[in-house]
Each structure stands twice: as structure tokens, then as C-alpha cells.
Amino acid sequence: MLAEPLMIDKQGYVQVPERPGFGFVIDEDRVAHHTVHVIERGDCGSPRKGVHK
């Protein structure tokens, strides 16, 4: 899901990117392609008022 592959050196370490935060760039298109369900803010999976199963 990352835009750039992680590079692992001979000792098994990953070089930490020098960008802000964790430094990784997310491939938004790839994430969207694999998304099967989006939970909206406040949606806890329970039915809405007035909606019965």
C-alpha cells in the first residue's frame, strides 16, 4: 500500500525515511482499490434509528 517499496539492508534493517511523520507515502489509488467498506464518523456498525433488521 506504500507508493515506494521498503528497502531492507543486509542486516535486515529498514532505512527510516526523512519525511515528516512516519515518512511513508501511501498509494491512495491502491488503498481505494482494496477498500471493501468505509466506516463513516459516528458509524459503529449499529442500525440507524428507524431502520430495523
PDB file of N, CA and C in Angstrom:
ATOM      1  N   MET A   1       0.803  -1.190   0.000  1.00  0.00           N
ATOM      2  CA  MET A   1       0.000   0.000   0.000  1.00  0.00           C
ATOM      3  C   MET A   1       0.855   1.267   0.000  1.00  0.00           C
ATOM      4  N   LEU A   2       2.170   1.088   0.033  1.00  0.00           N
ATOM      5  CA  LEU A   2       3.066   2.237   0.006  1.00  0.00           C
ATOM      6  C   LEU A   2       3.418   2.593  -1.432  1.00  0.00           C
ATOM      7  N   ALA A   3       3.618   3.879  -1.685  1.00  0.00           N
ATOM      8  CA  ALA A   3       3.969   4.344  -3.027  1.00  0.00           C
ATOM      9  C   ALA A   3       5.398   3.940  -3.396  1.00  0.00           C
ATOM     10  N   GLU A   4       6.245   3.797  -2.385  1.00  0.00           N
ATOM     11  CA  GLU A   4       7.636   3.405  -2.617  1.00  0.00           C
ATOM     12  C   GLU A   4       7.919   2.136  -1.816  1.00  0.00           C
ATOM     13  N   PRO A   5       8.643   1.180  -2.379  1.00  0.00           N
ATOM     14  CA  PRO A   5       8.919  -0.054  -1.637  1.00  0.00           C
ATOM     15  C   PRO A   5       9.862   0.196  -0.456  1.00  0.00           C
ATOM     16  N   LEU A   6       9.720  -0.628   0.582  1.00  0.00           N
ATOM     17  CA  LEU A   6      10.648  -0.563   1.707  1.00  0.00           C
ATOM     18  C   LEU A   6      11.944  -1.241   1.290  1.00  0.00           C
ATOM     19  N   MET A   7      13.048  -0.614   1.590  1.00  0.00           N
ATOM     20  CA  MET A   7      14.340  -1.191   1.256  1.00  0.00           C
ATOM     21  C   MET A   7      14.946  -1.773   2.528  1.00  0.00           C
ATOM     22  N   ILE A   8      15.199  -3.069   2.509  1.00  0.00           N
ATOM     23  CA  ILE A   8      15.768  -3.759   3.665  1.00  0.00           C
ATOM     24  C   ILE A   8      17.238  -4.034   3.366  1.00  0.00           C
ATOM     25  N   ASP A   9      18.115  -3.599   4.295  1.00  0.00           N
ATOM     26  CA  ASP A   9      19.547  -3.800   4.065  1.00  0.00           C
ATOM     27  C   ASP A   9      19.976  -5.218   4.459  1.00  0.00           C
ATOM     28  N   LYS A  10      21.253  -5.531   4.307  1.00  0.00           N
ATOM     29  CA  LYS A  10      21.779  -6.878   4.564  1.00  0.00           C
ATOM     30  C   LYS A  10      21.608  -7.319   6.009  1.00  0.00           C
ATOM     31  N   GLN A  11      21.539  -6.362   6.936  1.00  0.00           N
ATOM     32  CA  GLN A  11      21.355  -6.689   8.347  1.00  0.00           C
ATOM     33  C   GLN A  11      19.875  -6.837   8.714  1.00  0.00           C
ATOM     34  N   GLY A  12      18.983  -6.585   7.760  1.00  0.00           N
ATOM     35  CA  GLY A  12      17.554  -6.718   7.998  1.00  0.00           C
ATOM     36  C   GLY A  12      16.880  -5.448   8.479  1.00  0.00           C
ATOM     37  N   TYR A  13      17.578  -4.324   8.385  1.00  0.00           N
ATOM     38  CA  TYR A  13      17.017  -3.050   8.831  1.00  0.00           C
ATOM     39  C   TYR A  13      16.375  -2.302   7.671  1.00  0.00           C
ATOM     40  N   VAL A  14      15.339  -1.514   7.996  1.00  0.00           N
ATOM     41  CA  VAL A  14      14.692  -0.652   7.016  1.00  0.00           C
ATOM     42  C   VAL A  14      15.183   0.762   7.276  1.00  0.00           C
ATOM     43  N   GLN A  15      15.620   1.431   6.228  1.00  0.00           N
ATOM     44  CA  GLN A  15      16.064   2.817   6.350  1.00  0.00           C
ATOM     45  C   GLN A  15      14.856   3.704   6.624  1.00  0.00           C
ATOM     46  N   VAL A  16      14.919   4.509   7.677  1.00  0.00           N
ATOM     47  CA  VAL A  16      13.817   5.392   8.034  1.00  0.00           C
ATOM     48  C   VAL A  16      13.791   6.576   7.064  1.00  0.00           C
ATOM     49  N   PRO A  17      12.622   6.822   6.426  1.00  0.00           N
ATOM     50  CA  PRO A  17      12.520   7.961   5.511  1.00  0.00           C
ATOM     51  C   PRO A  17      12.715   9.280   6.259  1.00  0.00           C
ATOM     52  N   GLU A  18      13.157  10.298   5.547  1.00  0.00           N
ATOM     53  CA  GLU A  18      13.429  11.600   6.163  1.00  0.00           C
ATOM     54  C   GLU A  18      12.297  12.589   5.912  1.00  0.00           C
ATOM     55  N   ARG A  19      11.077  12.100   5.802  1.00  0.00           N
ATOM     56  CA  ARG A  19       9.904  12.965   5.636  1.00  0.00           C
ATOM     57  C   ARG A  19       9.232  13.146   6.990  1.00  0.00           C
ATOM     58  N   PRO A  20       8.345  14.122   7.111  1.00  0.00           N
ATOM     59  CA  PRO A  20       7.610  14.310   8.371  1.00  0.00           C
ATOM     60  C   PRO A  20       6.759  13.091   8.721  1.00  0.00           C
ATOM     61  N   GLY A  21       6.395  12.969   9.977  1.00  0.00           N
ATOM     62  CA  GLY A  21       5.584  11.844  10.446  1.00  0.00           C
ATOM     63  C   GLY A  21       6.371  10.551  10.345  1.00  0.00           C
ATOM     64  N   PHE A  22       5.698   9.485   9.914  1.00  0.00           N
ATOM     65  CA  PHE A  22       6.402   8.213   9.730  1.00  0.00           C
ATOM     66  C   PHE A  22       7.255   8.243   8.472  1.00  0.00           C
ATOM     67  N   GLY A  23       6.983   9.186   7.581  1.00  0.00           N
ATOM     68  CA  GLY A  23       7.800   9.358   6.389  1.00  0.00           C
ATOM     69  C   GLY A  23       7.398   8.521   5.201  1.00  0.00           C
ATOM     70  N   PHE A  24       6.348   7.738   5.335  1.00  0.00           N
ATOM     71  CA  PHE A  24       5.919   6.890   4.235  1.00  0.00           C
ATOM     72  C   PHE A  24       4.855   7.600   3.401  1.00  0.00           C
ATOM     73  N   VAL A  25       4.856   7.328   2.106  1.00  0.00           N
ATOM     74  CA  VAL A  25       3.855   7.887   1.203  1.00  0.00           C
ATOM     75  C   VAL A  25       2.880   6.762   0.860  1.00  0.00           C
ATOM     76  N   ILE A  26       1.609   6.979   1.154  1.00  0.00           N
ATOM     77  CA  ILE A  26       0.577   5.978   0.902  1.00  0.00           C
ATOM     78  C   ILE A  26       0.098   6.076  -0.543  1.00  0.00           C
ATOM     79  N   ASP A  27      -0.045   4.941  -1.209  1.00  0.00           N
ATOM     80  CA  ASP A  27      -0.589   4.885  -2.563  1.00  0.00           C
ATOM     81  C   ASP A  27      -2.111   4.910  -2.442  1.00  0.00           C
ATOM     82  N   GLU A  28      -2.699   6.104  -2.515  1.00  0.00           N
ATOM     83  CA  GLU A  28      -4.137   6.307  -2.296  1.00  0.00           C
ATOM     84  C   GLU A  28      -4.987   5.494  -3.273  1.00  0.00           C
ATOM     85  N   ASP A  29      -4.552   5.376  -4.532  1.00  0.00           N
ATOM     86  CA  ASP A  29      -5.315   4.616  -5.521  1.00  0.00           C
ATOM     87  C   ASP A  29      -5.350   3.135  -5.160  1.00  0.00           C
ATOM     88  N   ARG A  30      -4.236   2.598  -4.724  1.00  0.00           N
ATOM     89  CA  ARG A  30      -4.172   1.186  -4.339  1.00  0.00           C
ATOM     90  C   ARG A  30      -5.044   0.923  -3.110  1.00  0.00           C
ATOM     91  N   VAL A  31      -5.003   1.830  -2.132  1.00  0.00           N
ATOM     92  CA  VAL A  31      -5.844   1.681  -0.945  1.00  0.00           C
ATOM     93  C   VAL A  31      -7.318   1.704  -1.338  1.00  0.00           C
ATOM     94  N   ALA A  32      -7.704   2.647  -2.198  1.00  0.00           N
ATOM     95  CA  ALA A  32      -9.096   2.742  -2.646  1.00  0.00           C
ATOM     96  C   ALA A  32      -9.520   1.474  -3.385  1.00  0.00           C
ATOM     97  N   HIS A  33      -8.635   0.918  -4.179  1.00  0.00           N
ATOM     98  CA  HIS A  33      -8.942  -0.295  -4.950  1.00  0.00           C
ATOM     99  C   HIS A  33      -9.235  -1.473  -4.028  1.00  0.00           C
ATOM    100  N   HIS A  34      -8.548  -1.560  -2.903  1.00  0.00           N
ATOM    101  CA  HIS A  34      -8.702  -2.691  -1.981  1.00  0.00           C
ATOM    102  C   HIS A  34      -9.676  -2.420  -0.833  1.00  0.00           C
ATOM    103  N   THR A  35     -10.291  -1.243  -0.821  1.00  0.00           N
ATOM    104  CA  THR A  35     -11.242  -0.907   0.239  1.00  0.00           C
ATOM    105  C   THR A  35     -12.575  -1.586  -0.043  1.00  0.00           C
ATOM    106  N   VAL A  36     -13.090  -2.322   0.952  1.00  0.00           N
ATOM    107  CA  VAL A  36     -14.368  -3.007   0.773  1.00  0.00           C
ATOM    108  C   VAL A  36     -15.492  -2.362   1.579  1.00  0.00           C
ATOM    109  N   HIS A  37     -15.149  -1.595   2.611  1.00  0.00           N
ATOM    110  CA  HIS A  37     -16.167  -0.956   3.437  1.00  0.00           C
ATOM    111  C   HIS A  37     -15.549   0.271   4.092  1.00  0.00           C
ATOM    112  N   VAL A  38     -16.273   1.369   4.062  1.00  0.00           N
ATOM    113  CA  VAL A  38     -15.816   2.603   4.699  1.00  0.00           C
ATOM    114  C   VAL A  38     -16.737   2.889   5.869  1.00  0.00           C
ATOM    115  N   ILE A  39     -16.156   3.092   7.038  1.00  0.00           N
ATOM    116  CA  ILE A  39     -16.940   3.429   8.219  1.00  0.00           C
ATOM    117  C   ILE A  39     -16.926   4.946   8.357  1.00  0.00           C
ATOM    118  N   GLU A  40     -18.109   5.536   8.291  1.00  0.00           N
ATOM    119  CA  GLU A  40     -18.224   6.975   8.425  1.00  0.00           C
ATOM    120  C   GLU A  40     -18.088   7.352   9.889  1.00  0.00           C
ATOM    121  N   ARG A  41     -17.702   8.553  10.143  1.00  0.00           N
ATOM    122  CA  ARG A  41     -17.564   9.035  11.511  1.00  0.00           C
ATOM    123  C   ARG A  41     -18.885   8.867  12.253  1.00  0.00           C
ATOM    124  N   GLY A  42     -18.835   8.231  13.411  1.00  0.00           N
ATOM    125  CA  GLY A  42     -20.027   8.011  14.212  1.00  0.00           C
ATOM    126  C   GLY A  42     -20.742   6.707  13.884  1.00  0.00           C
ATOM    127  N   ASP A  43     -20.340   6.023  12.823  1.00  0.00           N
ATOM    128  CA  ASP A  43     -20.949   4.748  12.446  1.00  0.00           C
ATOM    129  C   ASP A  43     -20.243   3.625  13.192  1.00  0.00           C
ATOM    130  N   CYS A  44     -20.941   3.026  14.135  1.00  0.00           N
ATOM    131  CA  CYS A  44     -20.357   1.943  14.931  1.00  0.00           C
ATOM    132  C   CYS A  44     -20.864   0.589  14.478  1.00  0.00           C
ATOM    133  N   GLY A  45     -21.486   0.540  13.317  1.00  0.00           N
ATOM    134  CA  GLY A  45     -21.999  -0.708  12.810  1.00  0.00           C
ATOM    135  C   GLY A  45     -23.403  -1.026  13.286  1.00  0.00           C
ATOM    136  N   SER A  46     -23.971  -0.183  14.137  1.00  0.00           N
ATOM    137  CA  SER A  46     -25.327  -0.428  14.607  1.00  0.00           C
ATOM    138  C   SER A  46     -26.314   0.244  13.660  1.00  0.00           C
ATOM    139  N   PRO A  47     -27.514  -0.327  13.554  1.00  0.00           N
ATOM    140  CA  PRO A  47     -28.508   0.269  12.653  1.00  0.00           C
ATOM    141  C   PRO A  47     -28.891   1.675  13.075  1.00  0.00           C
ATOM    142  N   ARG A  48     -29.233   2.491  12.111  1.00  0.00           N
ATOM    143  CA  ARG A  48     -29.681   3.851  12.394  1.00  0.00           C
ATOM    144  C   ARG A  48     -31.066   3.832  13.008  1.00  0.00           C
ATOM    145  N   LYS A  49     -31.414   4.881  13.700  1.00  0.00           N
ATOM    146  CA  LYS A  49     -32.749   4.990  14.276  1.00  0.00           C
ATOM    147  C   LYS A  49     -33.777   4.879  13.167  1.00  0.00           C
ATOM    148  N   GLY A  50     -34.806   4.074  13.406  1.00  0.00           N
ATOM    149  CA  GLY A  50     -35.868   3.914  12.418  1.00  0.00           C
ATOM    150  C   GLY A  50     -35.575   2.836  11.399  1.00  0.00           C
ATOM    151  N   VAL A  51     -34.373   2.243  11.424  1.00  0.00           N
ATOM    152  CA  VAL A  51     -34.031   1.177  10.494  1.00  0.00           C
ATOM    153  C   VAL A  51     -34.015  -0.122  11.282  1.00  0.00           C
ATOM    154  N   HIS A  52     -34.839  -1.082  10.872  1.00  0.00           N
ATOM    155  CA  HIS A  52     -34.936  -2.359  11.570  1.00  0.00           C
ATOM    156  C   HIS A  52     -34.416  -3.467  10.680  1.00  0.00           C
ATOM    157  N   LYS A  53     -33.763  -4.418  11.278  1.00  0.00           N
ATOM    158  CA  LYS A  53     -33.271  -5.583  10.517  1.00  0.00           C
ATOM    159  C   LYS A  53     -34.271  -6.696  10.556  1.00  0.00           C
TER     160      LYS A  53
END
